[in-house]
Every structure is written in C-alpha cells, then in structure tokens.
Amino acid sequence: QVQLVESGGGLVQAGGSLRLSCAASGSISSINTMGWYRQGPGKQRELVARITSPGTTNYADSLKGRFTISRDNAKNTVYLQMNSLKPEDTAVYYCNADVTYYSGYGRRTNNYWGQGTQVTVSS
C-alpha cells in the first residue's frame, strides 16, 4: 500500500517558479531512485528528472539549468524546483519511485506512480 502524492502545482505566468513535492507513504523499507515525469496535452509522458538514493541526478537535456531535483530521505520526499517556466512546460507532472516495501512475504521492490499535479504556465 505504498502511495505517492504530488503537490505544489498550479497556475503561474511565464518566467515564474514553482516547487513540486512528492511524498511517499506506506510500509516503506527504503526508496531507491525517484523521479519526475510530465505529460502535456496530446503528448506522451516524458522524463523530466531523476535522482538516485546516493544523490546522482539526471535531467532531460532541454530542462537542465532551469529545473532542479532534490530529495529528503528522512521525509521520503522528492522535490522539483522549476524556474523560468515557459508555456511549453504546461503539463501534468507525475512522481515516480522505486520503493522497497514490507509485505507478508518479507520485502519487495516495485515501481510506483503518483496521480499527478497540474502545472499551467500562461503567456
């Protein structure tokens, strides 16, 4: 029953900033790689950024320099700081994580998705 819940989305003007948060909850043993994906209207879901447990980050080339991913392991939370937002950044942003959790048979690792949070950037 691991769940990921995103927050922080909203409506902003071009050039503005938003900070997204994704908190994991449930019978968590550990969280490995966490990441952000987005899906704009009429488009396929694409990778925004990922961060490993050791802290290694990976960004989509077009977003590197504007977006920053970080995590707080004590809070089971990953963040996405988005600066200099553009209208083309408008999308539903989804949190994703590889989570090792407690089960009746010990521990298992699975990949989870949040429900998404809407980010709308106006011209």
Protein backbone atom coordinates (compact mmCIF):
# COMPACT_ATOMS: atom_id res chain seq x y z
CA GLN A 1 0.00 0.00 0.00
CA VAL A 2 2.76 2.41 -0.90
CA GLN A 3 1.42 5.65 -2.30
CA LEU A 4 2.98 8.71 -3.87
CA VAL A 5 1.22 12.05 -3.56
CA GLU A 6 2.31 15.11 -5.54
CA SER A 7 1.63 18.69 -4.53
CA GLY A 8 2.70 22.20 -5.44
CA GLY A 9 1.28 22.50 -8.92
CA GLY A 10 -0.72 25.48 -10.04
CA LEU A 11 -1.05 28.36 -12.46
CA VAL A 12 1.92 30.66 -12.98
CA GLN A 13 2.99 33.26 -15.50
CA ALA A 14 5.84 32.67 -17.89
CA GLY A 15 9.13 33.30 -16.14
CA GLY A 16 7.75 32.31 -12.77
CA SER A 17 8.70 29.46 -10.48
CA LEU A 18 7.06 26.51 -8.77
CA ARG A 19 8.30 23.89 -6.36
CA LEU A 20 6.70 20.47 -6.62
CA SER A 21 6.78 17.93 -3.82
CA CYS A 22 6.13 14.21 -3.81
CA ALA A 23 5.74 12.37 -0.53
CA ALA A 24 5.80 8.60 -0.30
CA SER A 25 3.85 6.83 2.41
CA GLY A 26 3.12 3.26 3.43
CA SER A 27 5.11 0.30 4.69
CA ILE A 28 8.36 1.59 3.27
CA SER A 29 11.68 -0.09 3.84
CA SER A 30 13.69 2.13 1.52
CA ILE A 31 13.26 4.32 -1.52
CA ASN A 32 15.73 3.98 -4.34
CA THR A 33 15.50 6.08 -7.48
CA MET A 34 12.86 8.82 -7.51
CA GLY A 35 11.91 10.91 -10.47
CA TRP A 36 9.57 13.33 -12.17
CA TYR A 37 7.83 12.85 -15.49
CA ARG A 38 5.38 15.05 -17.31
CA GLN A 39 2.70 14.71 -19.93
CA GLY A 40 1.46 17.70 -21.88
CA PRO A 41 -1.87 17.77 -23.71
CA GLY A 42 -1.75 15.48 -26.72
CA LYS A 43 1.76 14.31 -25.88
CA GLN A 44 3.36 11.21 -24.43
CA ARG A 45 4.78 11.08 -20.94
CA GLU A 46 8.43 12.11 -20.82
CA LEU A 47 11.22 12.10 -18.28
CA VAL A 48 11.91 15.38 -16.51
CA ALA A 49 14.49 14.39 -13.91
CA ARG A 50 15.62 11.53 -11.69
CA ILE A 51 17.64 11.24 -8.52
CA THR A 52 19.17 8.11 -7.02
CA SER A 53 19.48 7.25 -3.36
CA PRO A 54 23.19 8.23 -3.37
CA GLY A 55 22.11 11.56 -4.86
CA THR A 56 23.11 11.26 -8.50
CA THR A 57 20.84 13.35 -10.72
CA ASN A 58 19.77 13.09 -14.33
CA TYR A 59 17.83 15.68 -16.32
CA ALA A 60 16.21 15.96 -19.69
CA ASP A 61 18.68 17.96 -21.78
CA SER A 62 16.17 20.69 -22.59
CA LEU A 63 15.39 21.29 -18.91
CA LYS A 64 18.85 21.18 -17.40
CA GLY A 65 19.66 24.54 -15.88
CA ARG A 66 16.05 25.52 -15.19
CA PHE A 67 14.85 22.56 -13.14
CA THR A 68 16.47 21.08 -10.05
CA ILE A 69 15.57 17.78 -8.42
CA SER A 70 16.36 17.03 -4.79
CA ARG A 71 15.23 14.69 -2.04
CA ASP A 72 14.82 14.48 1.71
CA ASN A 73 15.24 10.86 2.71
CA ALA A 74 14.06 11.47 6.27
CA LYS A 75 10.74 12.69 4.88
CA ASN A 76 10.50 10.20 2.00
CA THR A 77 10.04 13.19 -0.25
CA VAL A 78 11.39 14.30 -3.61
CA TYR A 79 11.21 17.87 -4.88
CA LEU A 80 11.33 19.56 -8.24
CA GLN A 81 12.26 23.24 -8.29
CA MET A 82 11.12 24.75 -11.57
CA ASN A 83 12.42 28.17 -12.57
CA SER A 84 12.00 30.35 -15.64
CA LEU A 85 8.87 28.49 -16.58
CA LYS A 86 7.65 28.57 -20.16
CA PRO A 87 4.20 27.89 -21.64
CA GLU A 88 5.56 24.67 -23.14
CA ASP A 89 6.18 23.42 -19.60
CA THR A 90 2.42 23.16 -19.14
CA ALA A 91 1.67 19.54 -18.30
CA VAL A 92 0.60 17.11 -15.64
CA TYR A 93 3.69 16.29 -13.61
CA TYR A 94 3.96 12.78 -12.20
CA CYS A 95 6.13 11.45 -9.42
CA ASN A 96 7.74 8.05 -9.84
CA ALA A 97 9.74 5.95 -7.40
CA ASP A 98 11.31 2.54 -6.94
CA VAL A 99 10.28 1.52 -3.44
CA THR A 100 11.23 -1.46 -1.31
CA TYR A 101 8.31 -2.20 0.96
CA TYR A 102 7.26 -4.65 3.66
CA SER A 103 4.93 -7.45 2.65
CA GLY A 104 3.62 -10.66 4.18
CA TYR A 105 6.49 -12.48 2.49
CA GLY A 106 9.23 -10.14 3.56
CA ARG A 107 10.24 -7.24 1.38
CA ARG A 108 9.52 -6.48 -2.24
CA THR A 109 10.58 -3.76 -4.62
CA ASN A 110 8.15 -2.16 -7.02
CA ASN A 111 7.79 0.93 -9.16
CA TYR A 112 5.06 3.41 -8.25
CA TRP A 113 3.39 6.40 -9.85
CA GLY A 114 1.60 9.31 -8.25
CA GLN A 115 -1.68 10.66 -9.59
CA GLY A 116 -0.05 13.79 -10.95
CA THR A 117 -0.26 17.51 -10.30
CA GLN A 118 -1.21 20.08 -12.92
CA VAL A 119 1.23 22.81 -13.86
CA THR A 120 -0.08 25.53 -16.15
CA VAL A 121 2.15 28.32 -17.42
CA SER A 122 0.42 31.27 -19.03
CA SER A 123 1.93 33.60 -21.64
